[in-house]
Amino acid sequence: MIRKQLYIKPHQDVLLKKKAKASGLTEAELIRRAIETHLKTNFELHKYPLAWETEKQFILSRIRPGKQAQKRGWSRDELYDR
């Protein structure tokens, strides 16, 4: 392992100590897991940028005005009358 030193805010220290005590893990292990989770999540979001862009274009095409096929034949108030 590689040794790192970092500064955290006082409220983070309090939360870290509580979490470590409750989970039975060391503070260092919690920090390692948090870093690992963050790095995996961040990578997965940017792994397939073309797929996300395609999805974004699809969503935008669905919310453009004038794209609604037809108006509904009921009102919200009618739903509450049942």
N, C-alpha and C. Protein backbone atom coordinates (compact mmCIF):
# COMPACT_ATOMS: atom_id res chain seq x y z
N MET A 1 0.84 -1.18 0.00
CA MET A 1 0.00 0.00 0.00
C MET A 1 0.88 1.24 0.00
N ILE A 2 0.30 2.31 -0.47
CA ILE A 2 0.99 3.59 -0.52
C ILE A 2 0.38 4.50 0.54
N ARG A 3 1.23 5.14 1.30
CA ARG A 3 0.77 6.01 2.37
C ARG A 3 0.41 7.39 1.80
N LYS A 4 -0.77 7.87 2.17
CA LYS A 4 -1.23 9.21 1.77
C LYS A 4 -1.68 9.94 3.02
N GLN A 5 -1.49 11.23 3.02
CA GLN A 5 -2.01 12.07 4.10
C GLN A 5 -2.98 13.07 3.47
N LEU A 6 -4.08 13.33 4.17
CA LEU A 6 -5.05 14.27 3.63
C LEU A 6 -5.71 15.02 4.77
N TYR A 7 -6.29 16.14 4.42
CA TYR A 7 -7.02 16.95 5.38
C TYR A 7 -8.51 16.75 5.15
N ILE A 8 -9.25 16.59 6.23
CA ILE A 8 -10.70 16.52 6.13
C ILE A 8 -11.29 17.56 7.08
N LYS A 9 -12.52 17.89 6.86
CA LYS A 9 -13.20 18.89 7.69
C LYS A 9 -13.60 18.25 9.02
N PRO A 10 -13.75 19.07 10.05
CA PRO A 10 -14.11 18.53 11.37
C PRO A 10 -15.39 17.69 11.37
N HIS A 11 -16.41 18.13 10.64
CA HIS A 11 -17.65 17.34 10.63
C HIS A 11 -17.45 16.01 9.90
N GLN A 12 -16.54 15.98 8.92
CA GLN A 12 -16.24 14.72 8.24
C GLN A 12 -15.54 13.76 9.19
N ASP A 13 -14.68 14.30 10.04
CA ASP A 13 -13.97 13.48 11.02
C ASP A 13 -14.96 12.84 11.99
N VAL A 14 -15.92 13.62 12.45
CA VAL A 14 -16.93 13.10 13.38
C VAL A 14 -17.73 11.99 12.71
N LEU A 15 -18.19 12.23 11.49
CA LEU A 15 -18.98 11.22 10.77
C LEU A 15 -18.16 9.97 10.48
N LEU A 16 -16.91 10.16 10.11
CA LEU A 16 -16.03 9.03 9.82
C LEU A 16 -15.83 8.16 11.05
N LYS A 17 -15.60 8.79 12.19
CA LYS A 17 -15.41 8.05 13.44
C LYS A 17 -16.68 7.27 13.82
N LYS A 18 -17.84 7.90 13.68
CA LYS A 18 -19.11 7.22 13.98
C LYS A 18 -19.33 6.03 13.07
N LYS A 19 -19.07 6.23 11.77
CA LYS A 19 -19.26 5.16 10.79
C LYS A 19 -18.30 4.00 11.06
N ALA A 20 -17.07 4.32 11.38
CA ALA A 20 -16.08 3.27 11.66
C ALA A 20 -16.49 2.47 12.88
N LYS A 21 -16.93 3.15 13.92
CA LYS A 21 -17.35 2.45 15.14
C LYS A 21 -18.57 1.56 14.87
N ALA A 22 -19.54 2.09 14.14
CA ALA A 22 -20.76 1.34 13.86
C ALA A 22 -20.51 0.14 12.95
N SER A 23 -19.59 0.28 12.01
CA SER A 23 -19.36 -0.80 11.04
C SER A 23 -18.29 -1.79 11.48
N GLY A 24 -17.48 -1.38 12.46
CA GLY A 24 -16.39 -2.26 12.89
C GLY A 24 -15.19 -2.22 11.96
N LEU A 25 -15.17 -1.26 11.04
CA LEU A 25 -14.05 -1.10 10.11
C LEU A 25 -13.17 0.05 10.59
N THR A 26 -11.94 0.07 10.12
CA THR A 26 -11.07 1.20 10.45
C THR A 26 -11.45 2.40 9.60
N GLU A 27 -11.06 3.56 10.06
CA GLU A 27 -11.30 4.78 9.30
C GLU A 27 -10.59 4.69 7.95
N ALA A 28 -9.38 4.14 7.95
CA ALA A 28 -8.62 4.01 6.71
C ALA A 28 -9.34 3.12 5.71
N GLU A 29 -9.93 2.02 6.19
CA GLU A 29 -10.64 1.11 5.29
C GLU A 29 -11.87 1.78 4.71
N LEU A 30 -12.57 2.55 5.51
CA LEU A 30 -13.74 3.28 5.00
C LEU A 30 -13.32 4.27 3.92
N ILE A 31 -12.23 4.97 4.13
CA ILE A 31 -11.74 5.93 3.14
C ILE A 31 -11.34 5.20 1.86
N ARG A 32 -10.63 4.07 1.98
CA ARG A 32 -10.25 3.30 0.78
C ARG A 32 -11.48 2.86 0.00
N ARG A 33 -12.49 2.36 0.71
CA ARG A 33 -13.72 1.91 0.03
C ARG A 33 -14.44 3.08 -0.64
N ALA A 34 -14.47 4.23 0.02
CA ALA A 34 -15.13 5.40 -0.57
C ALA A 34 -14.41 5.83 -1.85
N ILE A 35 -13.08 5.82 -1.81
CA ILE A 35 -12.31 6.18 -3.00
C ILE A 35 -12.59 5.19 -4.13
N GLU A 36 -12.58 3.92 -3.81
CA GLU A 36 -12.82 2.88 -4.81
C GLU A 36 -14.21 3.04 -5.44
N THR A 37 -15.21 3.24 -4.60
CA THR A 37 -16.58 3.42 -5.10
C THR A 37 -16.68 4.65 -5.99
N HIS A 38 -16.08 5.74 -5.57
CA HIS A 38 -16.13 6.96 -6.36
C HIS A 38 -15.45 6.78 -7.71
N LEU A 39 -14.30 6.17 -7.71
CA LEU A 39 -13.56 6.00 -8.97
C LEU A 39 -14.29 5.07 -9.93
N LYS A 40 -14.89 4.01 -9.42
CA LYS A 40 -15.65 3.09 -10.28
C LYS A 40 -16.88 3.79 -10.85
N THR A 41 -17.60 4.51 -10.01
CA THR A 41 -18.82 5.20 -10.45
C THR A 41 -18.48 6.25 -11.49
N ASN A 42 -17.48 7.03 -11.24
CA ASN A 42 -17.08 8.08 -12.16
C ASN A 42 -16.67 7.49 -13.50
N PHE A 43 -15.96 6.38 -13.48
CA PHE A 43 -15.52 5.74 -14.72
C PHE A 43 -16.71 5.20 -15.50
N GLU A 44 -17.63 4.55 -14.82
CA GLU A 44 -18.78 3.94 -15.50
C GLU A 44 -19.65 4.99 -16.19
N LEU A 45 -19.76 6.17 -15.60
CA LEU A 45 -20.57 7.22 -16.21
C LEU A 45 -19.99 7.69 -17.54
N HIS A 46 -18.68 7.61 -17.68
CA HIS A 46 -18.03 8.12 -18.87
C HIS A 46 -17.50 7.01 -19.77
N LYS A 47 -17.85 5.78 -19.47
CA LYS A 47 -17.33 4.63 -20.22
C LYS A 47 -17.89 4.60 -21.65
N TYR A 48 -19.15 4.93 -21.80
CA TYR A 48 -19.81 4.88 -23.10
C TYR A 48 -20.45 6.22 -23.44
N PRO A 49 -19.64 7.23 -23.74
CA PRO A 49 -20.21 8.57 -23.97
C PRO A 49 -21.15 8.62 -25.16
N LEU A 50 -20.90 7.84 -26.20
CA LEU A 50 -21.79 7.85 -27.36
C LEU A 50 -23.17 7.32 -27.00
N ALA A 51 -23.21 6.28 -26.16
CA ALA A 51 -24.49 5.73 -25.73
C ALA A 51 -25.29 6.77 -24.95
N TRP A 52 -24.60 7.51 -24.07
CA TRP A 52 -25.29 8.53 -23.30
C TRP A 52 -25.77 9.67 -24.19
N GLU A 53 -24.99 10.03 -25.18
CA GLU A 53 -25.40 11.09 -26.09
C GLU A 53 -26.62 10.66 -26.91
N THR A 54 -26.63 9.41 -27.35
CA THR A 54 -27.77 8.87 -28.09
C THR A 54 -29.02 8.89 -27.23
N GLU A 55 -28.89 8.48 -25.97
CA GLU A 55 -30.02 8.49 -25.05
C GLU A 55 -30.52 9.91 -24.80
N LYS A 56 -29.60 10.84 -24.66
CA LYS A 56 -29.97 12.24 -24.45
C LYS A 56 -30.77 12.77 -25.63
N GLN A 57 -30.34 12.45 -26.84
CA GLN A 57 -31.06 12.91 -28.03
C GLN A 57 -32.46 12.31 -28.09
N PHE A 58 -32.59 11.03 -27.70
CA PHE A 58 -33.91 10.39 -27.67
C PHE A 58 -34.83 11.10 -26.68
N ILE A 59 -34.32 11.38 -25.49
CA ILE A 59 -35.12 12.05 -24.47
C ILE A 59 -35.55 13.43 -24.95
N LEU A 60 -34.62 14.17 -25.52
CA LEU A 60 -34.96 15.51 -26.02
C LEU A 60 -36.00 15.44 -27.13
N SER A 61 -35.94 14.41 -27.96
CA SER A 61 -36.93 14.29 -29.04
C SER A 61 -38.33 14.01 -28.48
N ARG A 62 -38.38 13.37 -27.33
CA ARG A 62 -39.67 13.05 -26.73
C ARG A 62 -40.30 14.23 -26.00
N ILE A 63 -39.50 15.22 -25.61
CA ILE A 63 -40.06 16.33 -24.85
C ILE A 63 -40.25 17.59 -25.68
N ARG A 64 -39.91 17.54 -26.93
CA ARG A 64 -40.11 18.71 -27.78
C ARG A 64 -41.59 19.00 -27.95
N PRO A 65 -41.98 20.26 -27.94
CA PRO A 65 -43.39 20.59 -28.11
C PRO A 65 -43.89 20.16 -29.49
N GLY A 66 -45.15 19.79 -29.53
CA GLY A 66 -45.76 19.40 -30.79
C GLY A 66 -45.56 17.95 -31.15
N LYS A 67 -44.89 17.20 -30.31
CA LYS A 67 -44.63 15.79 -30.60
C LYS A 67 -45.69 14.88 -29.99
N GLN A 68 -46.65 15.44 -29.26
CA GLN A 68 -47.66 14.59 -28.62
C GLN A 68 -48.61 14.06 -29.68
N ALA A 69 -48.86 12.77 -29.64
CA ALA A 69 -49.71 12.12 -30.64
C ALA A 69 -51.16 12.58 -30.54
N GLN A 70 -51.68 12.59 -29.32
CA GLN A 70 -53.06 13.02 -29.13
C GLN A 70 -53.26 13.45 -27.68
N LYS A 71 -54.30 14.22 -27.47
CA LYS A 71 -54.60 14.64 -26.09
C LYS A 71 -55.38 13.53 -25.41
N ARG A 72 -55.23 13.47 -24.11
CA ARG A 72 -55.95 12.44 -23.37
C ARG A 72 -57.43 12.80 -23.28
N GLY A 73 -58.26 11.78 -23.15
CA GLY A 73 -59.70 11.98 -23.10
C GLY A 73 -60.25 12.04 -21.70
N TRP A 74 -59.41 12.32 -20.72
CA TRP A 74 -59.84 12.39 -19.33
C TRP A 74 -59.08 13.50 -18.63
N SER A 75 -59.60 13.88 -17.48
CA SER A 75 -58.93 14.92 -16.69
C SER A 75 -58.49 14.33 -15.36
N ARG A 76 -57.61 15.01 -14.69
CA ARG A 76 -57.16 14.54 -13.38
C ARG A 76 -58.31 14.49 -12.38
N ASP A 77 -59.20 15.47 -12.46
CA ASP A 77 -60.33 15.50 -11.54
C ASP A 77 -61.19 14.26 -11.66
N GLU A 78 -61.33 13.74 -12.89
CA GLU A 78 -62.13 12.54 -13.10
C GLU A 78 -61.52 11.34 -12.38
N LEU A 79 -60.21 11.33 -12.24
CA LEU A 79 -59.57 10.22 -11.55
C LEU A 79 -59.95 10.20 -10.07
N TYR A 80 -60.15 11.36 -9.48
CA TYR A 80 -60.48 11.44 -8.07
C TYR A 80 -61.95 11.16 -7.81
N ASP A 81 -62.78 11.19 -8.85
CA ASP A 81 -64.20 10.91 -8.69
C ASP A 81 -64.48 9.44 -8.52
N ARG A 82 -63.54 8.60 -8.80
CA ARG A 82 -63.77 7.15 -8.74
C ARG A 82 -63.78 6.64 -7.33
